[in-house]
Amino acid sequence: RDYAKGTVYLQMNSLKPDDTAVYYCAATSRVLWCSDSYSSGLYDYW
């Protein structure tokens, strides 16, 4: 993330056909740290 620009990036290298998808970013203030679990219901903005 670039705090000056307020932007988050996902650099994707060595892409594979299995990476084909629609990619969404989502934001939450209710998750304070990252883990292996992703719960869509915790994300308020998409």
All heavy atoms as atom14 arrays in JSON, in Angstrom:
{
  "sequence": "RDYAKGTVYLQMNSLKPDDTAVYYCAATSRVLWCSDSYSSGLYDYW",
  "atom14_mask": [
    [1, 1, 1, 1, 1, 1, 1, 1, 1, 1, 1, 0, 0, 0],
    [1, 1, 1, 1, 1, 1, 1, 1, 0, 0, 0, 0, 0, 0],
    [1, 1, 1, 1, 1, 1, 1, 1, 1, 1, 1, 1, 0, 0],
    [1, 1, 1, 1, 1, 0, 0, 0, 0, 0, 0, 0, 0, 0],
    [1, 1, 1, 1, 1, 1, 1, 1, 1, 0, 0, 0, 0, 0],
    [1, 1, 1, 1, 0, 0, 0, 0, 0, 0, 0, 0, 0, 0],
    [1, 1, 1, 1, 1, 1, 1, 0, 0, 0, 0, 0, 0, 0],
    [1, 1, 1, 1, 1, 1, 1, 0, 0, 0, 0, 0, 0, 0],
    [1, 1, 1, 1, 1, 1, 1, 1, 1, 1, 1, 1, 0, 0],
    [1, 1, 1, 1, 1, 1, 1, 1, 0, 0, 0, 0, 0, 0],
    [1, 1, 1, 1, 1, 1, 1, 1, 1, 0, 0, 0, 0, 0],
    [1, 1, 1, 1, 1, 1, 1, 1, 0, 0, 0, 0, 0, 0],
    [1, 1, 1, 1, 1, 1, 1, 1, 0, 0, 0, 0, 0, 0],
    [1, 1, 1, 1, 1, 1, 0, 0, 0, 0, 0, 0, 0, 0],
    [1, 1, 1, 1, 1, 1, 1, 1, 0, 0, 0, 0, 0, 0],
    [1, 1, 1, 1, 1, 1, 1, 1, 1, 0, 0, 0, 0, 0],
    [1, 1, 1, 1, 1, 1, 1, 0, 0, 0, 0, 0, 0, 0],
    [1, 1, 1, 1, 1, 1, 1, 1, 0, 0, 0, 0, 0, 0],
    [1, 1, 1, 1, 1, 1, 1, 1, 0, 0, 0, 0, 0, 0],
    [1, 1, 1, 1, 1, 1, 1, 0, 0, 0, 0, 0, 0, 0],
    [1, 1, 1, 1, 1, 0, 0, 0, 0, 0, 0, 0, 0, 0],
    [1, 1, 1, 1, 1, 1, 1, 0, 0, 0, 0, 0, 0, 0],
    [1, 1, 1, 1, 1, 1, 1, 1, 1, 1, 1, 1, 0, 0],
    [1, 1, 1, 1, 1, 1, 1, 1, 1, 1, 1, 1, 0, 0],
    [1, 1, 1, 1, 1, 1, 0, 0, 0, 0, 0, 0, 0, 0],
    [1, 1, 1, 1, 1, 0, 0, 0, 0, 0, 0, 0, 0, 0],
    [1, 1, 1, 1, 1, 0, 0, 0, 0, 0, 0, 0, 0, 0],
    [1, 1, 1, 1, 1, 1, 1, 0, 0, 0, 0, 0, 0, 0],
    [1, 1, 1, 1, 1, 1, 0, 0, 0, 0, 0, 0, 0, 0],
    [1, 1, 1, 1, 1, 1, 1, 1, 1, 1, 1, 0, 0, 0],
    [1, 1, 1, 1, 1, 1, 1, 0, 0, 0, 0, 0, 0, 0],
    [1, 1, 1, 1, 1, 1, 1, 1, 0, 0, 0, 0, 0, 0],
    [1, 1, 1, 1, 1, 1, 1, 1, 1, 1, 1, 1, 1, 1],
    [1, 1, 1, 1, 1, 1, 0, 0, 0, 0, 0, 0, 0, 0],
    [1, 1, 1, 1, 1, 1, 0, 0, 0, 0, 0, 0, 0, 0],
    [1, 1, 1, 1, 1, 1, 1, 1, 0, 0, 0, 0, 0, 0],
    [1, 1, 1, 1, 1, 1, 0, 0, 0, 0, 0, 0, 0, 0],
    [1, 1, 1, 1, 1, 1, 1, 1, 1, 1, 1, 1, 0, 0],
    [1, 1, 1, 1, 1, 1, 0, 0, 0, 0, 0, 0, 0, 0],
    [1, 1, 1, 1, 1, 1, 0, 0, 0, 0, 0, 0, 0, 0],
    [1, 1, 1, 1, 0, 0, 0, 0, 0, 0, 0, 0, 0, 0],
    [1, 1, 1, 1, 1, 1, 1, 1, 0, 0, 0, 0, 0, 0],
    [1, 1, 1, 1, 1, 1, 1, 1, 1, 1, 1, 1, 0, 0],
    [1, 1, 1, 1, 1, 1, 1, 1, 0, 0, 0, 0, 0, 0],
    [1, 1, 1, 1, 1, 1, 1, 1, 1, 1, 1, 1, 0, 0],
    [1, 1, 1, 1, 1, 1, 1, 1, 1, 1, 1, 1, 1, 1]
  ],
  "atom14_positions": [
    [[0.83, -1.19, 0.0], [0.0, 0.0, 0.0], [0.86, 1.24, 0.0], [1.97, 1.26, 0.54], [-1.0, -0.01, 1.16], [-0.44, -0.06, 2.55], [-1.53, -0.49, 3.56], [-2.78, 0.24, 3.37], [-3.96, -0.15, 3.85], [-4.06, -1.26, 4.57], [-5.05, 0.57, 3.61], [0.0, 0.0, 0.0], [0.0, 0.0, 0.0], [0.0, 0.0, 0.0]],
    [[0.34, 2.27, -0.62], [0.98, 3.57, -0.71], [0.12, 4.53, 0.07], [-0.96, 4.93, -0.38], [1.1, 3.99, -2.18], [1.86, 5.29, -2.36], [1.83, 6.15, -1.46], [2.48, 5.45, -3.43], [0.0, 0.0, 0.0], [0.0, 0.0, 0.0], [0.0, 0.0, 0.0], [0.0, 0.0, 0.0], [0.0, 0.0, 0.0], [0.0, 0.0, 0.0]],
    [[0.58, 4.91, 1.25], [-0.23, 5.76, 2.11], [-0.39, 7.17, 1.56], [-1.42, 7.81, 1.8], [0.37, 5.8, 3.52], [0.23, 4.5, 4.25], [1.26, 3.57, 4.27], [-0.95, 4.18, 4.91], [1.12, 2.36, 4.94], [-1.1, 2.98, 5.57], [-0.06, 2.08, 5.58], [-0.2, 0.88, 6.24], [0.0, 0.0, 0.0], [0.0, 0.0, 0.0]],
    [[0.6, 7.65, 0.86], [0.5, 8.98, 0.28], [-0.62, 9.05, -0.74], [-1.31, 10.08, -0.85], [1.83, 9.39, -0.35], [0.0, 0.0, 0.0], [0.0, 0.0, 0.0], [0.0, 0.0, 0.0], [0.0, 0.0, 0.0], [0.0, 0.0, 0.0], [0.0, 0.0, 0.0], [0.0, 0.0, 0.0], [0.0, 0.0, 0.0], [0.0, 0.0, 0.0]],
    [[-0.79, 7.98, -1.49], [-1.84, 7.93, -2.5], [-3.12, 7.3, -1.99], [-4.15, 7.37, -2.67], [-1.35, 7.17, -3.73], [-0.18, 7.81, -4.45], [0.24, 6.99, -5.66], [1.39, 7.64, -6.39], [1.82, 6.83, -7.56], [0.0, 0.0, 0.0], [0.0, 0.0, 0.0], [0.0, 0.0, 0.0], [0.0, 0.0, 0.0], [0.0, 0.0, 0.0]],
    [[-3.06, 6.68, -0.82], [-4.22, 6.0, -0.29], [-4.64, 4.82, -1.14], [-5.84, 4.52, -1.24], [0.0, 0.0, 0.0], [0.0, 0.0, 0.0], [0.0, 0.0, 0.0], [0.0, 0.0, 0.0], [0.0, 0.0, 0.0], [0.0, 0.0, 0.0], [0.0, 0.0, 0.0], [0.0, 0.0, 0.0], [0.0, 0.0, 0.0], [0.0, 0.0, 0.0]],
    [[-3.67, 4.12, -1.7], [-3.93, 3.07, -2.66], [-3.3, 1.75, -2.2], [-2.24, 1.75, -1.57], [-3.36, 3.45, -4.04], [-3.96, 4.68, -4.47], [-3.64, 2.38, -5.08], [0.0, 0.0, 0.0], [0.0, 0.0, 0.0], [0.0, 0.0, 0.0], [0.0, 0.0, 0.0], [0.0, 0.0, 0.0], [0.0, 0.0, 0.0], [0.0, 0.0, 0.0]],
    [[-3.97, 0.67, -2.5], [-3.46, -0.68, -2.24], [-3.23, -1.37, -3.58], [-4.04, -1.25, -4.49], [-4.44, -1.48, -1.37], [-3.96, -2.93, -1.23], [-4.56, -0.84, 0.0], [0.0, 0.0, 0.0], [0.0, 0.0, 0.0], [0.0, 0.0, 0.0], [0.0, 0.0, 0.0], [0.0, 0.0, 0.0], [0.0, 0.0, 0.0], [0.0, 0.0, 0.0]],
    [[-2.12, -2.1, -3.66], [-1.74, -2.77, -4.89], [-1.65, -4.27, -4.68], [-1.36, -4.75, -3.59], [-0.39, -2.27, -5.4], [-0.34, -0.79, -5.63], [0.24, 0.05, -4.69], [-0.85, -0.24, -6.8], [0.29, 1.42, -4.91], [-0.81, 1.12, -7.02], [-0.23, 1.94, -6.07], [-0.19, 3.3, -6.3], [0.0, 0.0, 0.0], [0.0, 0.0, 0.0]],
    [[-1.87, -5.0, -5.75], [-1.6, -6.42, -5.78], [-0.75, -6.69, -7.01], [-1.26, -6.66, -8.14], [-2.89, -7.25, -5.82], [-2.69, -8.76, -5.75], [-2.15, -9.16, -4.38], [-3.99, -9.5, -6.05], [0.0, 0.0, 0.0], [0.0, 0.0, 0.0], [0.0, 0.0, 0.0], [0.0, 0.0, 0.0], [0.0, 0.0, 0.0], [0.0, 0.0, 0.0]],
    [[0.53, -6.91, -6.79], [1.44, -7.25, -7.87], [1.36, -8.75, -8.12], [1.6, -9.54, -7.21], [2.87, -6.85, -7.51], [3.9, -7.21, -8.58], [3.73, -6.42, -9.85], [3.53, -5.21, -9.8], [3.79, -7.09, -10.99], [0.0, 0.0, 0.0], [0.0, 0.0, 0.0], [0.0, 0.0, 0.0], [0.0, 0.0, 0.0], [0.0, 0.0, 0.0]],
    [[1.02, -9.13, -9.32], [0.82, -10.53, -9.67], [1.86, -10.92, -10.72], [1.83, -10.41, -11.84], [-0.59, -10.76, -10.2], [-1.69, -10.27, -9.26], [-3.35, -10.71, -9.82], [-3.42, -9.79, -11.36], [0.0, 0.0, 0.0], [0.0, 0.0, 0.0], [0.0, 0.0, 0.0], [0.0, 0.0, 0.0], [0.0, 0.0, 0.0], [0.0, 0.0, 0.0]],
    [[2.74, -11.81, -10.35], [3.79, -12.3, -11.23], [3.59, -13.78, -11.5], [2.87, -14.47, -10.79], [5.17, -12.06, -10.62], [5.49, -10.61, -10.4], [5.05, -9.74, -11.16], [6.27, -10.33, -9.37], [0.0, 0.0, 0.0], [0.0, 0.0, 0.0], [0.0, 0.0, 0.0], [0.0, 0.0, 0.0], [0.0, 0.0, 0.0], [0.0, 0.0, 0.0]],
    [[4.26, -14.25, -12.53], [4.2, -15.67, -12.89], [2.77, -16.17, -12.97], [2.42, -17.22, -12.42], [5.02, -16.51, -11.9], [6.36, -16.08, -11.85], [0.0, 0.0, 0.0], [0.0, 0.0, 0.0], [0.0, 0.0, 0.0], [0.0, 0.0, 0.0], [0.0, 0.0, 0.0], [0.0, 0.0, 0.0], [0.0, 0.0, 0.0], [0.0, 0.0, 0.0]],
    [[1.95, -15.43, -13.65], [0.52, -15.74, -13.69], [0.26, -17.06, -14.39], [0.92, -17.42, -15.37], [-0.24, -14.61, -14.37], [-0.42, -13.38, -13.49], [-0.8, -12.17, -14.34], [-1.5, -13.64, -12.43], [0.0, 0.0, 0.0], [0.0, 0.0, 0.0], [0.0, 0.0, 0.0], [0.0, 0.0, 0.0], [0.0, 0.0, 0.0], [0.0, 0.0, 0.0]],
    [[-0.74, -17.76, -13.88], [-1.15, -19.05, -14.39], [-2.59, -18.98, -14.89], [-3.35, -18.12, -14.45], [-1.07, -20.11, -13.29], [0.29, -20.23, -12.62], [0.22, -21.2, -11.45], [1.55, -21.33, -10.75], [1.48, -22.26, -9.6], [0.0, 0.0, 0.0], [0.0, 0.0, 0.0], [0.0, 0.0, 0.0], [0.0, 0.0, 0.0], [0.0, 0.0, 0.0]],
    [[-2.98, -19.88, -15.78], [-4.39, -19.89, -16.2], [-5.37, -20.0, -15.04], [-6.47, -19.43, -15.11], [-4.46, -21.11, -17.12], [-3.08, -21.21, -17.7], [-2.16, -20.81, -16.57], [0.0, 0.0, 0.0], [0.0, 0.0, 0.0], [0.0, 0.0, 0.0], [0.0, 0.0, 0.0], [0.0, 0.0, 0.0], [0.0, 0.0, 0.0], [0.0, 0.0, 0.0]],
    [[-4.99, -20.7, -13.98], [-5.87, -20.83, -12.82], [-6.08, -19.52, -12.08], [-6.96, -19.43, -11.23], [-5.32, -21.87, -11.85], [-5.5, -23.3, -12.33], [-6.25, -23.51, -13.3], [-4.9, -24.21, -11.72], [0.0, 0.0, 0.0], [0.0, 0.0, 0.0], [0.0, 0.0, 0.0], [0.0, 0.0, 0.0], [0.0, 0.0, 0.0], [0.0, 0.0, 0.0]],
    [[-5.29, -18.52, -12.38], [-5.49, -17.2, -11.78], [-6.59, -16.41, -12.46], [-6.96, -15.34, -11.98], [-4.19, -16.38, -11.84], [-3.07, -16.99, -11.01], [-3.35, -17.47, -9.89], [-1.92, -17.0, -11.5], [0.0, 0.0, 0.0], [0.0, 0.0, 0.0], [0.0, 0.0, 0.0], [0.0, 0.0, 0.0], [0.0, 0.0, 0.0], [0.0, 0.0, 0.0]],
    [[-7.1, -16.91, -13.56], [-8.17, -16.23, -14.27], [-9.4, -16.1, -13.38], [-9.92, -17.09, -12.87], [-8.53, -16.98, -15.55], [-7.4, -16.98, -16.44], [-9.71, -16.33, -16.25], [0.0, 0.0, 0.0], [0.0, 0.0, 0.0], [0.0, 0.0, 0.0], [0.0, 0.0, 0.0], [0.0, 0.0, 0.0], [0.0, 0.0, 0.0], [0.0, 0.0, 0.0]],
    [[-9.86, -14.88, -13.19], [-10.99, -14.62, -12.31], [-11.29, -13.13, -12.34], [-10.52, -12.33, -12.87], [-10.69, -15.06, -10.87], [0.0, 0.0, 0.0], [0.0, 0.0, 0.0], [0.0, 0.0, 0.0], [0.0, 0.0, 0.0], [0.0, 0.0, 0.0], [0.0, 0.0, 0.0], [0.0, 0.0, 0.0], [0.0, 0.0, 0.0], [0.0, 0.0, 0.0]],
    [[-12.42, -12.78, -11.75], [-12.69, -11.39, -11.43], [-12.11, -11.12, -10.05], [-12.4, -11.84, -9.1], [-14.19, -11.08, -11.46], [-14.45, -9.64, -11.05], [-14.77, -11.34, -12.84], [0.0, 0.0, 0.0], [0.0, 0.0, 0.0], [0.0, 0.0, 0.0], [0.0, 0.0, 0.0], [0.0, 0.0, 0.0], [0.0, 0.0, 0.0], [0.0, 0.0, 0.0]],
    [[-11.3, -10.1, -9.96], [-10.64, -9.75, -8.71], [-11.32, -8.54, -8.08], [-11.58, -7.54, -8.75], [-9.16, -9.44, -8.95], [-8.32, -10.67, -9.18], [-8.45, -11.41, -10.35], [-7.42, -11.11, -8.22], [-7.7, -12.55, -10.56], [-6.66, -12.25, -8.41], [-6.8, -12.97, -9.59], [-6.05, -14.11, -9.79], [0.0, 0.0, 0.0], [0.0, 0.0, 0.0]],
    [[-11.61, -8.67, -6.8], [-12.27, -7.62, -6.04], [-11.39, -7.2, -4.88], [-10.75, -8.03, -4.23], [-13.59, -8.11, -5.46], [-14.6, -8.63, -6.45], [-14.6, -9.96, -6.85], [-15.56, -7.78, -6.98], [-15.52, -10.44, -7.76], [-16.5, -8.25, -7.89], [-16.47, -9.59, -8.27], [-17.4, -10.05, -9.17], [0.0, 0.0, 0.0], [0.0, 0.0, 0.0]],
    [[-11.36, -5.92, -4.59], [-10.8, -5.47, -3.34], [-11.93, -5.15, -2.38], [-13.03, -4.76, -2.79], [-9.85, -4.28, -3.51], [-10.6, -2.75, -4.07], [0.0, 0.0, 0.0], [0.0, 0.0, 0.0], [0.0, 0.0, 0.0], [0.0, 0.0, 0.0], [0.0, 0.0, 0.0], [0.0, 0.0, 0.0], [0.0, 0.0, 0.0], [0.0, 0.0, 0.0]],
    [[-11.66, -5.33, -1.1], [-12.67, -5.12, -0.08], [-12.01, -4.52, 1.15], [-10.85, -4.8, 1.44], [-13.36, -6.44, 0.28], [0.0, 0.0, 0.0], [0.0, 0.0, 0.0], [0.0, 0.0, 0.0], [0.0, 0.0, 0.0], [0.0, 0.0, 0.0], [0.0, 0.0, 0.0], [0.0, 0.0, 0.0], [0.0, 0.0, 0.0], [0.0, 0.0, 0.0]],
    [[-12.77, -3.71, 1.87], [-12.24, -2.98, 3.02], [-13.06, -3.26, 4.26], [-14.28, -3.41, 4.2], [-12.25, -1.47, 2.74], [0.0, 0.0, 0.0], [0.0, 0.0, 0.0], [0.0, 0.0, 0.0], [0.0, 0.0, 0.0], [0.0, 0.0, 0.0], [0.0, 0.0, 0.0], [0.0, 0.0, 0.0], [0.0, 0.0, 0.0], [0.0, 0.0, 0.0]],
    [[-12.37, -3.32, 5.38], [-13.04, -3.5, 6.66], [-12.25, -2.8, 7.76], [-11.02, -2.73, 7.71], [-13.21, -4.99, 7.01], [-13.87, -5.11, 8.27], [-11.85, -5.69, 7.11], [0.0, 0.0, 0.0], [0.0, 0.0, 0.0], [0.0, 0.0, 0.0], [0.0, 0.0, 0.0], [0.0, 0.0, 0.0], [0.0, 0.0, 0.0], [0.0, 0.0, 0.0]],
    [[-12.97, -2.31, 8.74], [-12.35, -1.78, 9.95], [-12.48, -2.76, 11.11], [-12.02, -2.48, 12.22], [-12.98, -0.44, 10.34], [-14.36, -0.6, 10.61], [0.0, 0.0, 0.0], [0.0, 0.0, 0.0], [0.0, 0.0, 0.0], [0.0, 0.0, 0.0], [0.0, 0.0, 0.0], [0.0, 0.0, 0.0], [0.0, 0.0, 0.0], [0.0, 0.0, 0.0]],
    [[-13.06, -3.92, 10.85], [-13.32, -4.9, 11.89], [-12.31, -6.04, 11.92], [-12.41, -6.93, 12.77], [-14.73, -5.48, 11.72], [-15.82, -4.45, 11.94], [-17.19, -5.06, 11.77], [-17.49, -5.32, 10.37], [-18.43, -6.17, 9.96], [-19.13, -6.86, 10.86], [-18.66, -6.34, 8.67], [0.0, 0.0, 0.0], [0.0, 0.0, 0.0], [0.0, 0.0, 0.0]],
    [[-11.38, -6.03, 11.0], [-10.28, -6.99, 10.98], [-9.0, -6.2, 11.18], [-8.63, -5.38, 10.35], [-10.24, -7.77, 9.66], [-9.03, -8.71, 9.65], [-11.52, -8.56, 9.47], [0.0, 0.0, 0.0], [0.0, 0.0, 0.0], [0.0, 0.0, 0.0], [0.0, 0.0, 0.0], [0.0, 0.0, 0.0], [0.0, 0.0, 0.0], [0.0, 0.0, 0.0]],
    [[-8.32, -6.45, 12.29], [-7.14, -5.68, 12.64], [-5.84, -6.35, 12.23], [-4.8, -5.69, 12.2], [-7.12, -5.4, 14.14], [-8.33, -4.64, 14.68], [-8.17, -4.38, 16.17], [-8.54, -3.34, 13.92], [0.0, 0.0, 0.0], [0.0, 0.0, 0.0], [0.0, 0.0, 0.0], [0.0, 0.0, 0.0], [0.0, 0.0, 0.0], [0.0, 0.0, 0.0]],
    [[-5.9, -7.63, 11.94], [-4.73, -8.34, 11.47], [-5.16, -9.38, 10.45], [-6.32, -9.79, 10.41], [-3.97, -9.0, 12.63], [-4.77, -10.02, 13.38], [-4.83, -11.36, 13.13], [-5.61, -9.79, 14.51], [-5.67, -11.98, 14.03], [-6.16, -11.03, 14.89], [-5.96, -8.64, 15.22], [-7.04, -11.16, 15.96], [-6.84, -8.77, 16.29], [-7.35, -10.02, 16.65]],
    [[-4.24, -9.8, 9.65], [-4.54, -10.73, 8.57], [-4.23, -12.16, 8.99], [-3.3, -12.4, 9.76], [-3.74, -10.38, 7.32], [-4.1, -8.75, 6.64], [0.0, 0.0, 0.0], [0.0, 0.0, 0.0], [0.0, 0.0, 0.0], [0.0, 0.0, 0.0], [0.0, 0.0, 0.0], [0.0, 0.0, 0.0], [0.0, 0.0, 0.0], [0.0, 0.0, 0.0]],
    [[-5.0, -13.07, 8.46], [-4.82, -14.48, 8.75], [-5.2, -15.29, 7.52], [-5.55, -14.74, 6.48], [-5.67, -14.91, 9.95], [-7.04, -14.92, 9.62], [0.0, 0.0, 0.0], [0.0, 0.0, 0.0], [0.0, 0.0, 0.0], [0.0, 0.0, 0.0], [0.0, 0.0, 0.0], [0.0, 0.0, 0.0], [0.0, 0.0, 0.0], [0.0, 0.0, 0.0]],
    [[-5.13, -16.62, 7.67], [-5.48, -17.5, 6.56], [-6.97, -17.53, 6.28], [-7.39, -18.06, 5.24], [-5.0, -18.92, 6.84], [-3.49, -19.04, 6.86], [-2.81, -18.19, 6.25], [-2.98, -20.0, 7.48], [0.0, 0.0, 0.0], [0.0, 0.0, 0.0], [0.0, 0.0, 0.0], [0.0, 0.0, 0.0], [0.0, 0.0, 0.0], [0.0, 0.0, 0.0]],
    [[-7.76, -17.01, 7.19], [-9.2, -17.03, 7.03], [-9.69, -15.71, 6.43], [-9.3, -14.64, 6.87], [-9.9, -17.27, 8.37], [-9.57, -18.54, 8.9], [0.0, 0.0, 0.0], [0.0, 0.0, 0.0], [0.0, 0.0, 0.0], [0.0, 0.0, 0.0], [0.0, 0.0, 0.0], [0.0, 0.0, 0.0], [0.0, 0.0, 0.0], [0.0, 0.0, 0.0]],
    [[-10.54, -15.83, 5.44], [-11.16, -14.67, 4.81], [-12.66, -14.85, 4.89], [-13.2, -15.81, 4.32], [-10.74, -14.54, 3.35], [-9.27, -14.25, 3.16], [-8.32, -15.26, 3.24], [-8.84, -12.96, 2.88], [-6.98, -14.98, 3.07], [-7.5, -12.68, 2.69], [-6.58, -13.7, 2.79], [-5.24, -13.43, 2.6], [0.0, 0.0, 0.0], [0.0, 0.0, 0.0]],
    [[-13.31, -13.95, 5.58], [-14.75, -14.0, 5.73], [-15.35, -12.79, 5.01], [-15.17, -11.65, 5.45], [-15.16, -14.0, 7.2], [-16.57, -14.02, 7.33], [0.0, 0.0, 0.0], [0.0, 0.0, 0.0], [0.0, 0.0, 0.0], [0.0, 0.0, 0.0], [0.0, 0.0, 0.0], [0.0, 0.0, 0.0], [0.0, 0.0, 0.0], [0.0, 0.0, 0.0]],
    [[-16.05, -13.06, 3.94], [-16.62, -11.97, 3.15], [-17.55, -11.09, 3.97], [-17.63, -9.89, 3.74], [-17.39, -12.54, 1.95], [-16.52, -13.22, 1.07], [0.0, 0.0, 0.0], [0.0, 0.0, 0.0], [0.0, 0.0, 0.0], [0.0, 0.0, 0.0], [0.0, 0.0, 0.0], [0.0, 0.0, 0.0], [0.0, 0.0, 0.0], [0.0, 0.0, 0.0]],
    [[-18.24, -11.7, 4.94], [-19.19, -10.95, 5.74], [-18.57, -9.89, 6.61], [-19.29, -9.01, 7.1], [0.0, 0.0, 0.0], [0.0, 0.0, 0.0], [0.0, 0.0, 0.0], [0.0, 0.0, 0.0], [0.0, 0.0, 0.0], [0.0, 0.0, 0.0], [0.0, 0.0, 0.0], [0.0, 0.0, 0.0], [0.0, 0.0, 0.0], [0.0, 0.0, 0.0]],
    [[-17.27, -9.95, 6.83], [-16.6, -8.96, 7.66], [-16.2, -7.71, 6.87], [-15.77, -6.73, 7.47], [-15.35, -9.56, 8.3], [-15.59, -10.67, 9.33], [-14.27, -11.24, 9.81], [-16.41, -10.15, 10.51], [0.0, 0.0, 0.0], [0.0, 0.0, 0.0], [0.0, 0.0, 0.0], [0.0, 0.0, 0.0], [0.0, 0.0, 0.0], [0.0, 0.0, 0.0]],
    [[-16.35, -7.76, 5.58], [-15.91, -6.65, 4.74], [-17.11, -5.79, 4.35], [-18.07, -6.28, 3.76], [-15.17, -7.17, 3.51], [-13.83, -7.72, 3.89], [-13.7, -8.99, 4.44], [-12.68, -6.94, 3.75], [-12.47, -9.47, 4.83], [-11.44, -7.43, 4.15], [-11.34, -8.69, 4.69], [-10.13, -9.17, 5.09], [0.0, 0.0, 0.0], [0.0, 0.0, 0.0]],
    [[-17.02, -4.53, 4.69], [-18.14, -3.62, 4.53], [-18.21, -2.98, 3.16], [-19.29, -2.58, 2.72], [-18.05, -2.51, 5.59], [-18.06, -3.07, 7.0], [-19.04, -3.75, 7.36], [-17.1, -2.81, 7.75], [0.0, 0.0, 0.0], [0.0, 0.0, 0.0], [0.0, 0.0, 0.0], [0.0, 0.0, 0.0], [0.0, 0.0, 0.0], [0.0, 0.0, 0.0]],
    [[-17.08, -2.86, 2.5], [-17.01, -2.14, 1.25], [-16.31, -2.98, 0.19], [-15.27, -3.59, 0.46], [-16.28, -0.81, 1.43], [-16.83, 0.02, 2.56], [-16.17, 0.09, 3.77], [-18.03, 0.7, 2.42], [-16.67, 0.83, 4.82], [-18.55, 1.44, 3.46], [-17.87, 1.5, 4.66], [-18.37, 2.24, 5.7], [0.0, 0.0, 0.0], [0.0, 0.0, 0.0]],
    [[-16.87, -2.97, -1.0], [-16.38, -3.77, -2.11], [-16.29, -2.94, -3.38], [-17.12, -2.05, -3.61], [-17.29, -4.96, -2.37], [-17.31, -5.96, -1.27], [-17.99, -5.86, -0.09], [-16.63, -7.21, -1.24], [-17.76, -6.98, 0.68], [-16.93, -7.83, -0.01], [-15.79, -7.88, -2.14], [-16.42, -9.08, 0.34], [-15.28, -9.12, -1.8], [-15.61, -9.7, -0.57]]
  ]
}
